[in-house]
N, C-alpha and C. Protein backbone atom coordinates (compact mmCIF):
# COMPACT_ATOMS: atom_id res chain seq x y z
N MET A 1 -7.99 8.17 15.76
CA MET A 1 -6.51 8.46 15.63
C MET A 1 -6.41 9.54 14.57
N PRO A 2 -5.78 10.68 14.83
CA PRO A 2 -5.55 11.71 13.92
C PRO A 2 -4.64 11.25 12.75
N ARG A 3 -4.93 11.68 11.56
CA ARG A 3 -4.10 11.31 10.43
C ARG A 3 -2.78 12.07 10.46
N THR A 4 -1.66 11.34 10.28
CA THR A 4 -0.33 11.94 10.26
C THR A 4 -0.05 12.42 8.85
N ILE A 5 0.36 13.67 8.75
CA ILE A 5 0.74 14.18 7.46
C ILE A 5 2.24 13.84 7.23
N ILE A 6 2.55 13.12 6.26
CA ILE A 6 3.91 12.69 5.94
C ILE A 6 4.45 13.60 4.85
N PRO A 7 5.57 14.29 5.13
CA PRO A 7 6.12 15.16 4.08
C PRO A 7 6.66 14.34 2.91
N TYR A 8 6.79 15.04 1.79
CA TYR A 8 7.33 14.39 0.61
C TYR A 8 8.15 15.41 -0.20
N ASN A 9 9.01 14.86 -0.99
CA ASN A 9 9.85 15.72 -1.90
C ASN A 9 8.96 16.03 -3.14
N PRO A 10 8.57 17.31 -3.40
CA PRO A 10 7.72 17.66 -4.48
C PRO A 10 8.30 17.35 -5.83
N ARG A 11 9.62 17.27 -5.86
CA ARG A 11 10.25 16.87 -7.18
C ARG A 11 9.92 15.47 -7.58
N LEU A 12 9.37 14.65 -6.70
CA LEU A 12 9.07 13.29 -7.05
C LEU A 12 7.74 13.13 -7.67
N LYS A 13 6.89 14.16 -7.68
CA LYS A 13 5.53 14.06 -8.18
C LYS A 13 5.53 13.66 -9.71
N GLU A 14 6.39 14.20 -10.54
CA GLU A 14 6.42 13.88 -11.96
C GLU A 14 6.94 12.45 -12.19
N LEU A 15 7.92 12.03 -11.40
CA LEU A 15 8.38 10.65 -11.48
C LEU A 15 7.27 9.67 -11.07
N ALA A 16 6.57 9.98 -10.02
CA ALA A 16 5.43 9.14 -9.58
C ALA A 16 4.38 9.02 -10.66
N ARG A 17 4.11 10.08 -11.35
CA ARG A 17 3.15 10.05 -12.46
C ARG A 17 3.62 9.13 -13.55
N ARG A 18 4.93 9.26 -13.87
CA ARG A 18 5.49 8.34 -14.92
C ARG A 18 5.42 6.91 -14.45
N LEU A 19 5.76 6.68 -13.20
CA LEU A 19 5.73 5.27 -12.71
C LEU A 19 4.28 4.71 -12.76
N ARG A 20 3.28 5.54 -12.49
CA ARG A 20 1.89 5.04 -12.59
C ARG A 20 1.54 4.65 -14.02
N ASN A 21 2.13 5.38 -14.99
CA ASN A 21 1.84 5.04 -16.40
C ASN A 21 2.72 3.93 -16.90
N ASP A 22 3.71 3.52 -16.09
CA ASP A 22 4.62 2.44 -16.54
C ASP A 22 4.72 1.36 -15.51
N SER A 23 3.55 0.97 -14.96
CA SER A 23 3.51 -0.02 -13.92
C SER A 23 3.87 -1.42 -14.41
N THR A 24 4.35 -2.23 -13.48
CA THR A 24 4.61 -3.65 -13.82
C THR A 24 3.25 -4.39 -13.82
N LEU A 25 3.26 -5.59 -14.38
CA LEU A 25 2.05 -6.39 -14.46
C LEU A 25 1.52 -6.67 -13.00
N GLY A 26 2.47 -7.05 -12.10
CA GLY A 26 2.07 -7.27 -10.71
C GLY A 26 1.38 -6.09 -10.02
N GLU A 27 1.92 -4.87 -10.30
CA GLU A 27 1.28 -3.67 -9.74
C GLU A 27 -0.05 -3.38 -10.41
N ILE A 28 -0.15 -3.63 -11.70
CA ILE A 28 -1.48 -3.43 -12.36
C ILE A 28 -2.58 -4.41 -11.78
N LEU A 29 -2.16 -5.67 -11.60
CA LEU A 29 -3.08 -6.64 -11.06
C LEU A 29 -3.52 -6.31 -9.69
N LEU A 30 -2.58 -5.89 -8.80
CA LEU A 30 -2.92 -5.53 -7.44
C LEU A 30 -3.78 -4.24 -7.44
N TRP A 31 -3.44 -3.35 -8.24
CA TRP A 31 -4.21 -2.03 -8.30
C TRP A 31 -5.70 -2.37 -8.69
N LYS A 32 -5.93 -3.32 -9.57
CA LYS A 32 -7.30 -3.68 -9.93
C LYS A 32 -8.08 -4.14 -8.72
N GLU A 33 -7.39 -4.74 -7.73
CA GLU A 33 -8.05 -5.24 -6.54
C GLU A 33 -8.23 -4.11 -5.47
N LEU A 34 -7.41 -3.10 -5.50
CA LEU A 34 -7.36 -2.09 -4.43
C LEU A 34 -8.07 -0.77 -4.82
N LYS A 35 -8.16 -0.44 -6.08
CA LYS A 35 -8.67 0.87 -6.46
C LYS A 35 -10.10 1.07 -6.12
N GLY A 36 -10.44 2.32 -6.02
CA GLY A 36 -11.83 2.70 -5.79
C GLY A 36 -12.41 2.13 -4.50
N LYS A 37 -11.64 2.11 -3.48
CA LYS A 37 -12.11 1.57 -2.11
C LYS A 37 -12.49 0.09 -2.17
N GLN A 38 -12.08 -0.58 -3.27
CA GLN A 38 -12.31 -2.01 -3.26
C GLN A 38 -11.43 -2.70 -2.29
N GLY A 39 -10.38 -1.98 -1.92
CA GLY A 39 -9.39 -2.55 -0.96
C GLY A 39 -9.93 -2.57 0.49
N TYR A 40 -10.92 -3.42 0.62
CA TYR A 40 -11.54 -3.68 1.97
C TYR A 40 -12.14 -2.37 2.56
N GLY A 41 -12.59 -1.48 1.71
CA GLY A 41 -13.31 -0.29 2.09
C GLY A 41 -12.36 0.92 2.39
N TYR A 42 -11.08 0.73 2.03
CA TYR A 42 -10.07 1.74 2.27
C TYR A 42 -9.62 2.35 0.96
N ASP A 43 -9.16 3.64 1.02
CA ASP A 43 -8.72 4.33 -0.12
C ASP A 43 -7.16 4.13 -0.23
N PHE A 44 -6.79 3.44 -1.27
CA PHE A 44 -5.33 3.29 -1.57
C PHE A 44 -4.93 4.17 -2.69
N HIS A 45 -3.68 4.63 -2.61
CA HIS A 45 -3.06 5.43 -3.68
C HIS A 45 -1.90 4.65 -4.20
N ARG A 46 -1.61 4.81 -5.49
CA ARG A 46 -0.43 4.06 -6.04
C ARG A 46 0.65 5.05 -6.48
N GLN A 47 1.85 4.57 -6.38
CA GLN A 47 3.07 5.41 -6.66
C GLN A 47 2.97 6.74 -5.99
N LYS A 48 2.92 6.65 -4.65
CA LYS A 48 2.71 7.79 -3.79
C LYS A 48 4.06 8.30 -3.22
N PRO A 49 4.42 9.58 -3.46
CA PRO A 49 5.59 10.10 -2.86
C PRO A 49 5.43 10.23 -1.35
N LEU A 50 6.40 9.70 -0.56
CA LEU A 50 6.43 9.89 0.88
C LEU A 50 7.91 10.13 1.20
N LEU A 51 8.19 11.15 2.03
CA LEU A 51 9.59 11.53 2.30
C LEU A 51 10.36 11.75 0.98
N ASN A 52 11.43 10.99 0.85
CA ASN A 52 12.22 11.12 -0.47
C ASN A 52 12.08 9.85 -1.26
N TYR A 53 10.93 9.17 -1.10
CA TYR A 53 10.72 7.88 -1.76
C TYR A 53 9.35 7.92 -2.50
N ILE A 54 9.21 6.98 -3.34
CA ILE A 54 7.91 6.70 -3.95
C ILE A 54 7.52 5.25 -3.62
N VAL A 55 6.33 5.10 -2.92
CA VAL A 55 5.92 3.76 -2.53
C VAL A 55 4.91 3.27 -3.59
N ASP A 56 4.84 1.98 -3.74
CA ASP A 56 3.93 1.43 -4.74
C ASP A 56 2.46 1.68 -4.39
N PHE A 57 2.02 1.33 -3.19
CA PHE A 57 0.66 1.53 -2.74
C PHE A 57 0.67 2.05 -1.29
N TYR A 58 -0.22 3.01 -1.03
CA TYR A 58 -0.28 3.65 0.27
C TYR A 58 -1.68 3.92 0.64
N CYS A 59 -2.00 3.53 1.93
CA CYS A 59 -3.36 3.86 2.49
C CYS A 59 -3.08 4.67 3.75
N SER A 60 -3.39 5.94 3.73
CA SER A 60 -3.16 6.86 4.92
C SER A 60 -4.06 6.46 6.08
N GLU A 61 -5.25 5.96 5.90
CA GLU A 61 -6.17 5.53 6.99
C GLU A 61 -5.55 4.45 7.81
N LEU A 62 -4.82 3.57 7.18
CA LEU A 62 -4.25 2.39 7.80
C LEU A 62 -2.73 2.61 8.14
N ASN A 63 -2.14 3.67 7.65
CA ASN A 63 -0.70 3.84 7.75
C ASN A 63 0.01 2.63 7.14
N LEU A 64 -0.46 2.21 6.01
CA LEU A 64 -0.04 0.93 5.36
C LEU A 64 0.62 1.22 4.00
N ILE A 65 1.76 0.67 3.81
CA ILE A 65 2.46 0.70 2.52
C ILE A 65 2.60 -0.73 2.00
N ILE A 66 2.22 -0.90 0.71
CA ILE A 66 2.42 -2.22 0.09
C ILE A 66 3.40 -2.04 -1.05
N GLU A 67 4.48 -2.84 -1.07
CA GLU A 67 5.49 -2.80 -2.07
C GLU A 67 5.51 -4.05 -2.91
N ILE A 68 5.60 -3.92 -4.23
CA ILE A 68 5.76 -5.08 -5.11
C ILE A 68 7.23 -5.00 -5.58
N ASP A 69 8.03 -5.95 -5.19
CA ASP A 69 9.47 -5.93 -5.44
C ASP A 69 9.79 -6.74 -6.72
N GLY A 70 10.37 -6.03 -7.64
CA GLY A 70 10.85 -6.71 -8.85
C GLY A 70 12.17 -7.42 -8.59
N GLN A 71 12.70 -8.02 -9.57
CA GLN A 71 13.93 -8.87 -9.40
C GLN A 71 15.11 -8.06 -8.90
N TYR A 72 15.23 -6.77 -9.20
CA TYR A 72 16.39 -6.03 -8.76
C TYR A 72 16.46 -5.85 -7.22
N HIS A 73 15.37 -6.18 -6.51
CA HIS A 73 15.39 -6.17 -5.03
C HIS A 73 16.14 -7.35 -4.45
N ASN A 74 16.54 -8.28 -5.29
CA ASN A 74 17.32 -9.43 -4.78
C ASN A 74 18.81 -9.09 -4.63
N TYR A 75 19.27 -8.00 -5.14
CA TYR A 75 20.68 -7.67 -5.00
C TYR A 75 20.97 -7.08 -3.62
N GLU A 76 22.15 -7.44 -3.12
CA GLU A 76 22.49 -7.05 -1.77
C GLU A 76 22.45 -5.54 -1.56
N GLU A 77 23.00 -4.78 -2.48
CA GLU A 77 23.01 -3.33 -2.34
C GLU A 77 21.58 -2.73 -2.30
N THR A 78 20.75 -3.24 -3.16
CA THR A 78 19.34 -2.76 -3.19
C THR A 78 18.63 -3.15 -1.90
N HIS A 79 18.93 -4.33 -1.41
CA HIS A 79 18.34 -4.82 -0.13
C HIS A 79 18.75 -3.86 1.02
N LYS A 80 19.98 -3.44 1.07
CA LYS A 80 20.46 -2.50 2.12
C LYS A 80 19.70 -1.18 2.02
N LEU A 81 19.49 -0.66 0.78
CA LEU A 81 18.79 0.58 0.54
C LEU A 81 17.31 0.42 0.93
N ASP A 82 16.73 -0.74 0.71
CA ASP A 82 15.33 -1.00 1.16
C ASP A 82 15.22 -0.97 2.64
N LEU A 83 16.21 -1.52 3.37
CA LEU A 83 16.15 -1.52 4.82
C LEU A 83 16.28 -0.05 5.36
N ILE A 84 17.09 0.77 4.81
CA ILE A 84 17.24 2.12 5.22
C ILE A 84 15.91 2.87 4.97
N ARG A 85 15.37 2.64 3.81
CA ARG A 85 14.07 3.27 3.40
C ARG A 85 12.97 2.89 4.41
N GLU A 86 12.87 1.54 4.70
CA GLU A 86 11.89 1.13 5.62
C GLU A 86 12.04 1.75 6.97
N GLN A 87 13.24 1.84 7.50
CA GLN A 87 13.51 2.40 8.78
C GLN A 87 13.05 3.87 8.82
N GLU A 88 13.32 4.62 7.79
CA GLU A 88 12.86 6.03 7.71
C GLU A 88 11.34 6.08 7.70
N LEU A 89 10.72 5.27 6.89
CA LEU A 89 9.24 5.29 6.79
C LEU A 89 8.58 4.79 8.10
N GLU A 90 9.20 3.82 8.74
CA GLU A 90 8.64 3.34 10.01
C GLU A 90 8.66 4.35 11.12
N LYS A 91 9.52 5.36 10.98
CA LYS A 91 9.50 6.50 12.02
C LYS A 91 8.19 7.19 12.02
N TYR A 92 7.45 7.06 10.97
CA TYR A 92 6.15 7.71 10.82
C TYR A 92 4.99 6.76 11.18
N ASN A 93 5.35 5.65 11.83
CA ASN A 93 4.33 4.66 12.27
C ASN A 93 3.70 3.95 11.08
N LEU A 94 4.47 3.77 10.02
CA LEU A 94 3.96 3.09 8.82
C LEU A 94 4.30 1.63 8.89
N THR A 95 3.36 0.80 8.41
CA THR A 95 3.59 -0.62 8.28
C THR A 95 3.90 -0.85 6.80
N ILE A 96 4.90 -1.69 6.51
CA ILE A 96 5.28 -1.99 5.11
C ILE A 96 5.14 -3.49 4.90
N ILE A 97 4.35 -3.85 3.87
CA ILE A 97 4.20 -5.21 3.46
C ILE A 97 4.88 -5.36 2.10
N ARG A 98 5.67 -6.38 1.95
CA ARG A 98 6.37 -6.61 0.64
C ARG A 98 5.94 -7.88 0.01
N PHE A 99 5.75 -7.83 -1.29
CA PHE A 99 5.46 -9.04 -2.07
C PHE A 99 6.43 -9.00 -3.27
N THR A 100 6.71 -10.12 -3.83
CA THR A 100 7.48 -10.12 -5.06
C THR A 100 6.57 -9.91 -6.24
N GLU A 101 7.17 -9.48 -7.33
CA GLU A 101 6.43 -9.35 -8.58
C GLU A 101 5.81 -10.71 -8.95
N LEU A 102 6.55 -11.77 -8.73
CA LEU A 102 5.97 -13.13 -9.10
C LEU A 102 4.79 -13.44 -8.26
N GLU A 103 4.87 -13.17 -6.94
CA GLU A 103 3.71 -13.39 -6.09
C GLU A 103 2.47 -12.63 -6.56
N ALA A 104 2.67 -11.38 -6.91
CA ALA A 104 1.55 -10.55 -7.39
C ALA A 104 0.96 -11.09 -8.73
N ARG A 105 1.78 -11.63 -9.57
CA ARG A 105 1.31 -12.18 -10.86
C ARG A 105 0.71 -13.54 -10.74
N LYS A 106 1.24 -14.38 -9.91
CA LYS A 106 0.86 -15.83 -9.89
C LYS A 106 0.02 -16.24 -8.67
N ASP A 107 -0.02 -15.43 -7.61
CA ASP A 107 -0.66 -15.91 -6.37
C ASP A 107 -1.45 -14.77 -5.68
N MET A 108 -2.23 -14.09 -6.49
CA MET A 108 -3.02 -12.95 -5.98
C MET A 108 -3.92 -13.29 -4.79
N ILE A 109 -4.42 -14.49 -4.76
CA ILE A 109 -5.31 -14.88 -3.62
C ILE A 109 -4.55 -14.77 -2.35
N ASN A 110 -3.32 -15.28 -2.30
CA ASN A 110 -2.58 -15.22 -1.08
C ASN A 110 -1.98 -13.81 -0.77
N VAL A 111 -1.76 -13.06 -1.75
CA VAL A 111 -1.37 -11.64 -1.59
C VAL A 111 -2.51 -10.92 -0.91
N LEU A 112 -3.71 -11.05 -1.44
CA LEU A 112 -4.88 -10.40 -0.87
C LEU A 112 -5.13 -10.87 0.56
N ARG A 113 -4.98 -12.17 0.76
CA ARG A 113 -5.23 -12.78 2.09
C ARG A 113 -4.24 -12.15 3.10
N THR A 114 -3.02 -11.99 2.68
CA THR A 114 -2.00 -11.38 3.58
C THR A 114 -2.30 -9.91 3.90
N ILE A 115 -2.74 -9.18 2.88
CA ILE A 115 -3.17 -7.78 3.05
C ILE A 115 -4.34 -7.72 4.03
N GLU A 116 -5.30 -8.61 3.83
CA GLU A 116 -6.50 -8.63 4.66
C GLU A 116 -6.10 -8.92 6.16
N GLN A 117 -5.21 -9.82 6.33
CA GLN A 117 -4.72 -10.15 7.70
C GLN A 117 -4.04 -8.91 8.34
N HIS A 118 -3.29 -8.17 7.61
CA HIS A 118 -2.67 -6.94 8.15
C HIS A 118 -3.75 -5.95 8.48
N ILE A 119 -4.74 -5.75 7.61
CA ILE A 119 -5.80 -4.85 7.86
C ILE A 119 -6.59 -5.25 9.10
N ASP A 120 -6.88 -6.53 9.23
CA ASP A 120 -7.61 -7.02 10.41
C ASP A 120 -6.81 -6.71 11.67
N LYS A 121 -5.52 -6.93 11.64
CA LYS A 121 -4.67 -6.66 12.79
C LYS A 121 -4.66 -5.20 13.13
N ILE A 122 -4.62 -4.32 12.10
CA ILE A 122 -4.63 -2.85 12.30
C ILE A 122 -6.01 -2.49 12.94
N ASN A 123 -7.06 -3.03 12.38
CA ASN A 123 -8.41 -2.72 12.89
C ASN A 123 -8.66 -3.12 14.29
N LYS A 124 -8.01 -4.27 14.73
CA LYS A 124 -8.18 -4.66 16.11
C LYS A 124 -7.48 -3.73 17.07
N ASN A 125 -6.45 -3.03 16.59
CA ASN A 125 -5.73 -2.02 17.40
C ASN A 125 -6.37 -0.65 17.29
N ASN A 126 -7.20 -0.47 16.29
CA ASN A 126 -7.81 0.86 16.03
C ASN A 126 -9.20 0.63 15.54
N ALA A 127 -10.21 0.77 16.40
CA ALA A 127 -11.57 0.41 15.99
C ALA A 127 -12.37 1.60 15.39
N GLU A 128 -11.66 2.59 14.83
CA GLU A 128 -12.31 3.81 14.33
C GLU A 128 -12.98 3.58 13.00
N HIS A 129 -12.53 2.65 12.15
CA HIS A 129 -13.08 2.50 10.79
C HIS A 129 -13.68 1.08 10.70
N THR A 130 -14.85 1.08 10.09
CA THR A 130 -15.49 -0.16 9.78
C THR A 130 -15.36 -0.46 8.31
N PRO A 131 -14.58 -1.36 7.87
CA PRO A 131 -14.27 -1.50 6.44
C PRO A 131 -15.44 -2.07 5.63
N TYR A 132 -16.35 -2.83 6.32
CA TYR A 132 -17.48 -3.39 5.61
C TYR A 132 -18.77 -2.79 6.24
N PRO A 133 -19.25 -1.63 5.77
CA PRO A 133 -20.35 -1.06 6.43
C PRO A 133 -21.56 -1.95 6.37
N SER A 134 -22.37 -1.89 7.37
CA SER A 134 -23.61 -2.68 7.47
C SER A 134 -24.66 -2.21 6.46
N LYS A 135 -25.32 -3.10 5.89
CA LYS A 135 -26.43 -2.76 4.95
C LYS A 135 -27.75 -2.63 5.75
N GLU A 136 -27.78 -3.08 6.97
CA GLU A 136 -28.98 -3.04 7.76
C GLU A 136 -29.56 -1.62 7.89
N GLY A 137 -30.77 -1.49 7.83
CA GLY A 137 -31.40 -0.23 8.00
C GLY A 137 -31.43 0.66 6.76
N SER A 138 -30.87 0.18 5.68
CA SER A 138 -30.91 0.98 4.46
C SER A 138 -31.99 0.40 3.56
N LEU A 139 -33.14 0.98 3.55
CA LEU A 139 -34.24 0.52 2.70
C LEU A 139 -34.31 1.30 1.42
N ARG A 140 -34.45 0.57 0.35
CA ARG A 140 -34.66 1.25 -1.03
C ARG A 140 -36.04 0.91 -1.44
N SER A 141 -36.75 1.93 -1.81
CA SER A 141 -38.07 1.73 -2.27
C SER A 141 -38.15 1.75 -3.80
C-alpha cells in the first residue's frame, strides 16, 4: 500500500519541537516503549504536525495516531474540538487511539496491549510489513 503524504501547517513545526521538550510523564513513558522501532518494529514519531494539528504519536506505516489525553480533554468544549479533529484526520484513512494520561502513567501494560491489538488488526488487513523479522537463516560466525 503506497504511503499517503499528509500535509501539515509548517508554522506548527516550532510548537511541535517545544511540545517534545515539554512532554507529560505519560507521553515520556509511552515514548520509551515506542522509540527506535521498539514499537513492534514500526517507526513512531512524537509531536508530529499533521494538517493543522499536532498529534502525540504517529506511525506513517500503519496510518496510526496515538493520543495521550490530559485532564483538559474532559471538558465538553475540548471534547467537541477533539471530535472535529478526529473527523478531519480520519479523512486520510488514519486510525486514532486515545488513552488518558492516567492510563499511560499507571497501566502501561494494558496501553501497550491495546496498541498491539490495533497493530495486529492493521497487519491482518495489510500483510506488507512483518513487524517481527525472522532470525532464521542469519548465521553469525
